[in-house]
Amino acid sequence: MGNITVAILTAIVNSFGQLPIIRNGVLSNGVNALTLQLVWGQRAELIIFIVDIVECAKELFNANGSGSVNAS
């Protein structure tokens, strides 16, 4: 489960710099444009999915003892 979370988050973060290229590629293809419309129509679910992935990553981070805890 942790590897999947890391892989998804890595893919999302790595694609931020390529957003203009991705956008131009999607908009230049009719099939991709329809897919983009579908995703845009379901954007609330996409946002919830991304938030869930981030929440899982936070829990894994804390479970591994990698998080800092303020003892004061």
PDB file of N, CA and C in Angstrom:
ATOM      1  N   MET A   1       0.827  -1.198   0.000  1.00  0.00           N
ATOM      2  CA  MET A   1       0.000   0.000   0.000  1.00  0.00           C
ATOM      3  C   MET A   1       0.866   1.255   0.000  1.00  0.00           C
ATOM      4  N   GLY A   2       1.938   1.257   0.732  1.00  0.00           N
ATOM      5  CA  GLY A   2       2.812   2.418   0.790  1.00  0.00           C
ATOM      6  C   GLY A   2       3.477   2.699  -0.538  1.00  0.00           C
ATOM      7  N   ASN A   3       3.895   1.646  -1.248  1.00  0.00           N
ATOM      8  CA  ASN A   3       4.550   1.834  -2.541  1.00  0.00           C
ATOM      9  C   ASN A   3       3.592   2.443  -3.556  1.00  0.00           C
ATOM     10  N   ILE A   4       2.348   2.025  -3.511  1.00  0.00           N
ATOM     11  CA  ILE A   4       1.349   2.576  -4.438  1.00  0.00           C
ATOM     12  C   ILE A   4       1.151   4.057  -4.158  1.00  0.00           C
ATOM     13  N   THR A   5       1.031   4.423  -2.896  1.00  0.00           N
ATOM     14  CA  THR A   5       0.847   5.825  -2.524  1.00  0.00           C
ATOM     15  C   THR A   5       2.016   6.668  -2.987  1.00  0.00           C
ATOM     16  N   VAL A   6       3.216   6.199  -2.750  1.00  0.00           N
ATOM     17  CA  VAL A   6       4.408   6.945  -3.152  1.00  0.00           C
ATOM     18  C   VAL A   6       4.463   7.079  -4.674  1.00  0.00           C
ATOM     19  N   ALA A   7       4.140   6.005  -5.384  1.00  0.00           N
ATOM     20  CA  ALA A   7       4.174   6.039  -6.851  1.00  0.00           C
ATOM     21  C   ALA A   7       3.170   7.043  -7.406  1.00  0.00           C
ATOM     22  N   ILE A   8       1.970   7.067  -6.852  1.00  0.00           N
ATOM     23  CA  ILE A   8       0.946   8.002  -7.334  1.00  0.00           C
ATOM     24  C   ILE A   8       1.348   9.436  -7.030  1.00  0.00           C
ATOM     25  N   LEU A   9       1.792   9.685  -5.807  1.00  0.00           N
ATOM     26  CA  LEU A   9       2.201  11.047  -5.449  1.00  0.00           C
ATOM     27  C   LEU A   9       3.399  11.501  -6.277  1.00  0.00           C
ATOM     28  N   THR A  10       4.339  10.609  -6.535  1.00  0.00           N
ATOM     29  CA  THR A  10       5.495  10.951  -7.365  1.00  0.00           C
ATOM     30  C   THR A  10       5.057  11.308  -8.773  1.00  0.00           C
ATOM     31  N   ALA A  11       4.142  10.530  -9.325  1.00  0.00           N
ATOM     32  CA  ALA A  11       3.644  10.805 -10.678  1.00  0.00           C
ATOM     33  C   ALA A  11       2.938  12.153 -10.733  1.00  0.00           C
ATOM     34  N   ILE A  12       2.150  12.460  -9.711  1.00  0.00           N
ATOM     35  CA  ILE A  12       1.426  13.736  -9.689  1.00  0.00           C
ATOM     36  C   ILE A  12       2.408  14.897  -9.596  1.00  0.00           C
ATOM     37  N   VAL A  13       3.365  14.809  -8.679  1.00  0.00           N
ATOM     38  CA  VAL A  13       4.333  15.894  -8.487  1.00  0.00           C
ATOM     39  C   VAL A  13       5.209  16.069  -9.724  1.00  0.00           C
ATOM     40  N   ASN A  14       5.657  14.967 -10.308  1.00  0.00           N
ATOM     41  CA  ASN A  14       6.525  15.052 -11.488  1.00  0.00           C
ATOM     42  C   ASN A  14       5.802  15.638 -12.692  1.00  0.00           C
ATOM     43  N   SER A  15       4.500  15.468 -12.758  1.00  0.00           N
ATOM     44  CA  SER A  15       3.765  15.959 -13.924  1.00  0.00           C
ATOM     45  C   SER A  15       3.459  17.456 -13.839  1.00  0.00           C
ATOM     46  N   PHE A  16       3.618  18.088 -12.677  1.00  0.00           N
ATOM     47  CA  PHE A  16       3.308  19.512 -12.562  1.00  0.00           C
ATOM     48  C   PHE A  16       4.120  20.358 -13.533  1.00  0.00           C
ATOM     49  N   GLY A  17       5.381  20.053 -13.698  1.00  0.00           N
ATOM     50  CA  GLY A  17       6.234  20.821 -14.605  1.00  0.00           C
ATOM     51  C   GLY A  17       5.887  20.602 -16.062  1.00  0.00           C
ATOM     52  N   GLN A  18       5.169  19.544 -16.350  1.00  0.00           N
ATOM     53  CA  GLN A  18       4.818  19.210 -17.720  1.00  0.00           C
ATOM     54  C   GLN A  18       3.372  19.565 -18.050  1.00  0.00           C
ATOM     55  N   LEU A  19       2.698  20.290 -17.187  1.00  0.00           N
ATOM     56  CA  LEU A  19       1.280  20.604 -17.407  1.00  0.00           C
ATOM     57  C   LEU A  19       1.010  21.293 -18.744  1.00  0.00           C
ATOM     58  N   PRO A  20       1.814  22.279 -19.173  1.00  0.00           N
ATOM     59  CA  PRO A  20       1.532  22.880 -20.481  1.00  0.00           C
ATOM     60  C   PRO A  20       1.628  21.873 -21.626  1.00  0.00           C
ATOM     61  N   ILE A  21       2.609  20.983 -21.568  1.00  0.00           N
ATOM     62  CA  ILE A  21       2.764  19.961 -22.608  1.00  0.00           C
ATOM     63  C   ILE A  21       1.580  19.007 -22.585  1.00  0.00           C
ATOM     64  N   ILE A  22       1.192  18.585 -21.382  1.00  0.00           N
ATOM     65  CA  ILE A  22       0.054  17.679 -21.246  1.00  0.00           C
ATOM     66  C   ILE A  22      -1.210  18.349 -21.749  1.00  0.00           C
ATOM     67  N   ARG A  23      -1.414  19.605 -21.357  1.00  0.00           N
ATOM     68  CA  ARG A  23      -2.612  20.348 -21.769  1.00  0.00           C
ATOM     69  C   ARG A  23      -2.686  20.457 -23.291  1.00  0.00           C
ATOM     70  N   ASN A  24      -1.585  20.847 -23.925  1.00  0.00           N
ATOM     71  CA  ASN A  24      -1.576  20.980 -25.382  1.00  0.00           C
ATOM     72  C   ASN A  24      -1.819  19.644 -26.067  1.00  0.00           C
ATOM     73  N   GLY A  25      -1.235  18.584 -25.542  1.00  0.00           N
ATOM     74  CA  GLY A  25      -1.451  17.260 -26.111  1.00  0.00           C
ATOM     75  C   GLY A  25      -2.883  16.793 -25.987  1.00  0.00           C
ATOM     76  N   VAL A  26      -3.478  17.051 -24.852  1.00  0.00           N
ATOM     77  CA  VAL A  26      -4.868  16.639 -24.630  1.00  0.00           C
ATOM     78  C   VAL A  26      -5.812  17.426 -25.524  1.00  0.00           C
ATOM     79  N   LEU A  27      -5.601  18.724 -25.596  1.00  0.00           N
ATOM     80  CA  LEU A  27      -6.522  19.558 -26.360  1.00  0.00           C
ATOM     81  C   LEU A  27      -6.371  19.384 -27.866  1.00  0.00           C
ATOM     82  N   SER A  28      -5.239  18.848 -28.324  1.00  0.00           N
ATOM     83  CA  SER A  28      -5.039  18.670 -29.760  1.00  0.00           C
ATOM     84  C   SER A  28      -5.612  17.351 -30.269  1.00  0.00           C
ATOM     85  N   ASN A  29      -6.123  16.526 -29.400  1.00  0.00           N
ATOM     86  CA  ASN A  29      -6.653  15.218 -29.775  1.00  0.00           C
ATOM     87  C   ASN A  29      -8.111  15.153 -29.343  1.00  0.00           C
ATOM     88  N   GLY A  30      -9.007  14.874 -30.280  1.00  0.00           N
ATOM     89  CA  GLY A  30     -10.443  14.837 -29.991  1.00  0.00           C
ATOM     90  C   GLY A  30     -10.826  13.821 -28.930  1.00  0.00           C
ATOM     91  N   VAL A  31     -10.201  12.649 -28.963  1.00  0.00           N
ATOM     92  CA  VAL A  31     -10.512  11.616 -27.969  1.00  0.00           C
ATOM     93  C   VAL A  31     -10.069  12.077 -26.585  1.00  0.00           C
ATOM     94  N   ASN A  32      -8.876  12.644 -26.499  1.00  0.00           N
ATOM     95  CA  ASN A  32      -8.386  13.142 -25.218  1.00  0.00           C
ATOM     96  C   ASN A  32      -9.232  14.293 -24.699  1.00  0.00           C
ATOM     97  N   ALA A  33      -9.710  15.138 -25.604  1.00  0.00           N
ATOM     98  CA  ALA A  33     -10.555  16.257 -25.190  1.00  0.00           C
ATOM     99  C   ALA A  33     -11.833  15.736 -24.536  1.00  0.00           C
ATOM    100  N   LEU A  34     -12.398  14.660 -25.072  1.00  0.00           N
ATOM    101  CA  LEU A  34     -13.592  14.064 -24.454  1.00  0.00           C
ATOM    102  C   LEU A  34     -13.272  13.497 -23.080  1.00  0.00           C
ATOM    103  N   THR A  35     -12.103  12.876 -22.970  1.00  0.00           N
ATOM    104  CA  THR A  35     -11.676  12.347 -21.675  1.00  0.00           C
ATOM    105  C   THR A  35     -11.491  13.481 -20.673  1.00  0.00           C
ATOM    106  N   LEU A  36     -10.879  14.570 -21.120  1.00  0.00           N
ATOM    107  CA  LEU A  36     -10.691  15.724 -20.249  1.00  0.00           C
ATOM    108  C   LEU A  36     -12.028  16.286 -19.782  1.00  0.00           C
ATOM    109  N   GLN A  37     -13.003  16.341 -20.671  1.00  0.00           N
ATOM    110  CA  GLN A  37     -14.329  16.802 -20.287  1.00  0.00           C
ATOM    111  C   GLN A  37     -14.930  15.884 -19.228  1.00  0.00           C
ATOM    112  N   LEU A  38     -14.734  14.574 -19.386  1.00  0.00           N
ATOM    113  CA  LEU A  38     -15.235  13.624 -18.398  1.00  0.00           C
ATOM    114  C   LEU A  38     -14.560  13.846 -17.054  1.00  0.00           C
ATOM    115  N   VAL A  39     -13.237  13.988 -17.066  1.00  0.00           N
ATOM    116  CA  VAL A  39     -12.506  14.215 -15.813  1.00  0.00           C
ATOM    117  C   VAL A  39     -12.938  15.531 -15.181  1.00  0.00           C
ATOM    118  N   TRP A  40     -13.089  16.578 -15.994  1.00  0.00           N
ATOM    119  CA  TRP A  40     -13.509  17.873 -15.461  1.00  0.00           C
ATOM    120  C   TRP A  40     -14.891  17.767 -14.833  1.00  0.00           C
ATOM    121  N   GLY A  41     -15.757  16.974 -15.445  1.00  0.00           N
ATOM    122  CA  GLY A  41     -17.102  16.779 -14.886  1.00  0.00           C
ATOM    123  C   GLY A  41     -17.073  16.019 -13.575  1.00  0.00           C
ATOM    124  N   GLN A  42     -16.020  15.247 -13.362  1.00  0.00           N
ATOM    125  CA  GLN A  42     -15.878  14.449 -12.137  1.00  0.00           C
ATOM    126  C   GLN A  42     -14.754  14.995 -11.256  1.00  0.00           C
ATOM    127  N   ARG A  43     -14.458  16.281 -11.374  1.00  0.00           N
ATOM    128  CA  ARG A  43     -13.303  16.847 -10.679  1.00  0.00           C
ATOM    129  C   ARG A  43     -13.406  16.734  -9.160  1.00  0.00           C
ATOM    130  N   ALA A  44     -14.627  16.778  -8.621  1.00  0.00           N
ATOM    131  CA  ALA A  44     -14.773  16.647  -7.166  1.00  0.00           C
ATOM    132  C   ALA A  44     -14.269  15.279  -6.705  1.00  0.00           C
ATOM    133  N   GLU A  45     -14.606  14.243  -7.461  1.00  0.00           N
ATOM    134  CA  GLU A  45     -14.136  12.903  -7.125  1.00  0.00           C
ATOM    135  C   GLU A  45     -12.623  12.794  -7.285  1.00  0.00           C
ATOM    136  N   LEU A  46     -12.076  13.453  -8.302  1.00  0.00           N
ATOM    137  CA  LEU A  46     -10.631  13.446  -8.502  1.00  0.00           C
ATOM    138  C   LEU A  46      -9.916  14.127  -7.340  1.00  0.00           C
ATOM    139  N   ILE A  47     -10.441  15.245  -6.897  1.00  0.00           N
ATOM    140  CA  ILE A  47      -9.850  15.968  -5.764  1.00  0.00           C
ATOM    141  C   ILE A  47      -9.921  15.118  -4.500  1.00  0.00           C
ATOM    142  N   ILE A  48     -11.054  14.466  -4.281  1.00  0.00           N
ATOM    143  CA  ILE A  48     -11.201  13.595  -3.109  1.00  0.00           C
ATOM    144  C   ILE A  48     -10.183  12.457  -3.175  1.00  0.00           C
ATOM    145  N   PHE A  49      -9.982  11.889  -4.380  1.00  0.00           N
ATOM    146  CA  PHE A  49      -9.007  10.818  -4.557  1.00  0.00           C
ATOM    147  C   PHE A  49      -7.607  11.301  -4.190  1.00  0.00           C
ATOM    148  N   ILE A  50      -7.231  12.467  -4.684  1.00  0.00           N
ATOM    149  CA  ILE A  50      -5.893  12.997  -4.398  1.00  0.00           C
ATOM    150  C   ILE A  50      -5.730  13.283  -2.909  1.00  0.00           C
ATOM    151  N   VAL A  51      -6.756  13.843  -2.285  1.00  0.00           N
ATOM    152  CA  VAL A  51      -6.695  14.107  -0.844  1.00  0.00           C
ATOM    153  C   VAL A  51      -6.556  12.798  -0.077  1.00  0.00           C
ATOM    154  N   ASP A  52      -7.299  11.769  -0.485  1.00  0.00           N
ATOM    155  CA  ASP A  52      -7.189  10.468   0.178  1.00  0.00           C
ATOM    156  C   ASP A  52      -5.774   9.906   0.061  1.00  0.00           C
ATOM    157  N   ILE A  53      -5.155  10.057  -1.112  1.00  0.00           N
ATOM    158  CA  ILE A  53      -3.782   9.584  -1.301  1.00  0.00           C
ATOM    159  C   ILE A  53      -2.833  10.328  -0.369  1.00  0.00           C
ATOM    160  N   VAL A  54      -2.998  11.642  -0.275  1.00  0.00           N
ATOM    161  CA  VAL A  54      -2.137  12.444   0.608  1.00  0.00           C
ATOM    162  C   VAL A  54      -2.348  12.041   2.063  1.00  0.00           C
ATOM    163  N   GLU A  55      -3.597  11.803   2.457  1.00  0.00           N
ATOM    164  CA  GLU A  55      -3.879  11.383   3.833  1.00  0.00           C
ATOM    165  C   GLU A  55      -3.219  10.038   4.141  1.00  0.00           C
ATOM    166  N   CYS A  56      -3.280   9.106   3.197  1.00  0.00           N
ATOM    167  CA  CYS A  56      -2.613   7.809   3.382  1.00  0.00           C
ATOM    168  C   CYS A  56      -1.111   8.002   3.538  1.00  0.00           C
ATOM    169  N   ALA A  57      -0.547   8.874   2.718  1.00  0.00           N
ATOM    170  CA  ALA A  57       0.889   9.131   2.790  1.00  0.00           C
ATOM    171  C   ALA A  57       1.260   9.712   4.153  1.00  0.00           C
ATOM    172  N   LYS A  58       0.436  10.602   4.665  1.00  0.00           N
ATOM    173  CA  LYS A  58       0.707  11.190   5.982  1.00  0.00           C
ATOM    174  C   LYS A  58       0.681  10.119   7.059  1.00  0.00           C
ATOM    175  N   GLU A  59      -0.295   9.219   6.990  1.00  0.00           N
ATOM    176  CA  GLU A  59      -0.393   8.157   7.981  1.00  0.00           C
ATOM    177  C   GLU A  59       0.805   7.222   7.891  1.00  0.00           C
ATOM    178  N   LEU A  60       1.217   6.881   6.661  1.00  0.00           N
ATOM    179  CA  LEU A  60       2.392   6.029   6.496  1.00  0.00           C
ATOM    180  C   LEU A  60       3.642   6.714   7.026  1.00  0.00           C
ATOM    181  N   PHE A  61       3.753   8.006   6.776  1.00  0.00           N
ATOM    182  CA  PHE A  61       4.893   8.781   7.247  1.00  0.00           C
ATOM    183  C   PHE A  61       4.971   8.717   8.765  1.00  0.00           C
ATOM    184  N   ASN A  62       3.824   8.925   9.430  1.00  0.00           N
ATOM    185  CA  ASN A  62       3.789   8.888  10.891  1.00  0.00           C
ATOM    186  C   ASN A  62       3.998   7.470  11.426  1.00  0.00           C
ATOM    187  N   ALA A  63       3.431   6.459  10.746  1.00  0.00           N
ATOM    188  CA  ALA A  63       3.556   5.078  11.203  1.00  0.00           C
ATOM    189  C   ALA A  63       4.998   4.586  11.116  1.00  0.00           C
ATOM    190  N   ASN A  64       5.741   5.099  10.163  1.00  0.00           N
ATOM    191  CA  ASN A  64       7.135   4.686  10.011  1.00  0.00           C
ATOM    192  C   ASN A  64       8.058   5.387  11.001  1.00  0.00           C
ATOM    193  N   GLY A  65       7.500   6.274  11.794  1.00  0.00           N
ATOM    194  CA  GLY A  65       8.320   6.986  12.759  1.00  0.00           C
ATOM    195  C   GLY A  65       9.134   8.094  12.156  1.00  0.00           C
ATOM    196  N   SER A  66       8.824   8.452  10.922  1.00  0.00           N
ATOM    197  CA  SER A  66       9.583   9.473  10.223  1.00  0.00           C
ATOM    198  C   SER A  66       9.111  10.875  10.563  1.00  0.00           C
ATOM    199  N   GLY A  67       7.940  10.972  11.150  1.00  0.00           N
ATOM    200  CA  GLY A  67       7.403  12.282  11.486  1.00  0.00           C
ATOM    201  C   GLY A  67       7.999  12.806  12.753  1.00  0.00           C
ATOM    202  N   SER A  68       8.050  14.104  12.878  1.00  0.00           N
ATOM    203  CA  SER A  68       8.585  14.682  14.101  1.00  0.00           C
ATOM    204  C   SER A  68       7.436  14.932  15.070  1.00  0.00           C
ATOM    205  N   VAL A  69       7.659  14.629  16.314  1.00  0.00           N
ATOM    206  CA  VAL A  69       6.654  14.831  17.342  1.00  0.00           C
ATOM    207  C   VAL A  69       7.211  15.806  18.358  1.00  0.00           C
ATOM    208  N   ASN A  70       6.437  16.827  18.671  1.00  0.00           N
ATOM    209  CA  ASN A  70       6.866  17.824  19.655  1.00  0.00           C
ATOM    210  C   ASN A  70       6.535  17.298  21.043  1.00  0.00           C
ATOM    211  N   ALA A  71       7.530  17.021  21.842  1.00  0.00           N
ATOM    212  CA  ALA A  71       7.335  16.414  23.168  1.00  0.00           C
ATOM    213  C   ALA A  71       7.098  17.449  24.256  1.00  0.00           C
ATOM    214  N   SER A  72       7.071  18.715  23.923  1.00  0.00           N
ATOM    215  CA  SER A  72       6.926  19.718  24.981  1.00  0.00           C
ATOM    216  C   SER A  72       5.511  19.896  25.422  1.00  0.00           C
TER     217      SER A  72
END
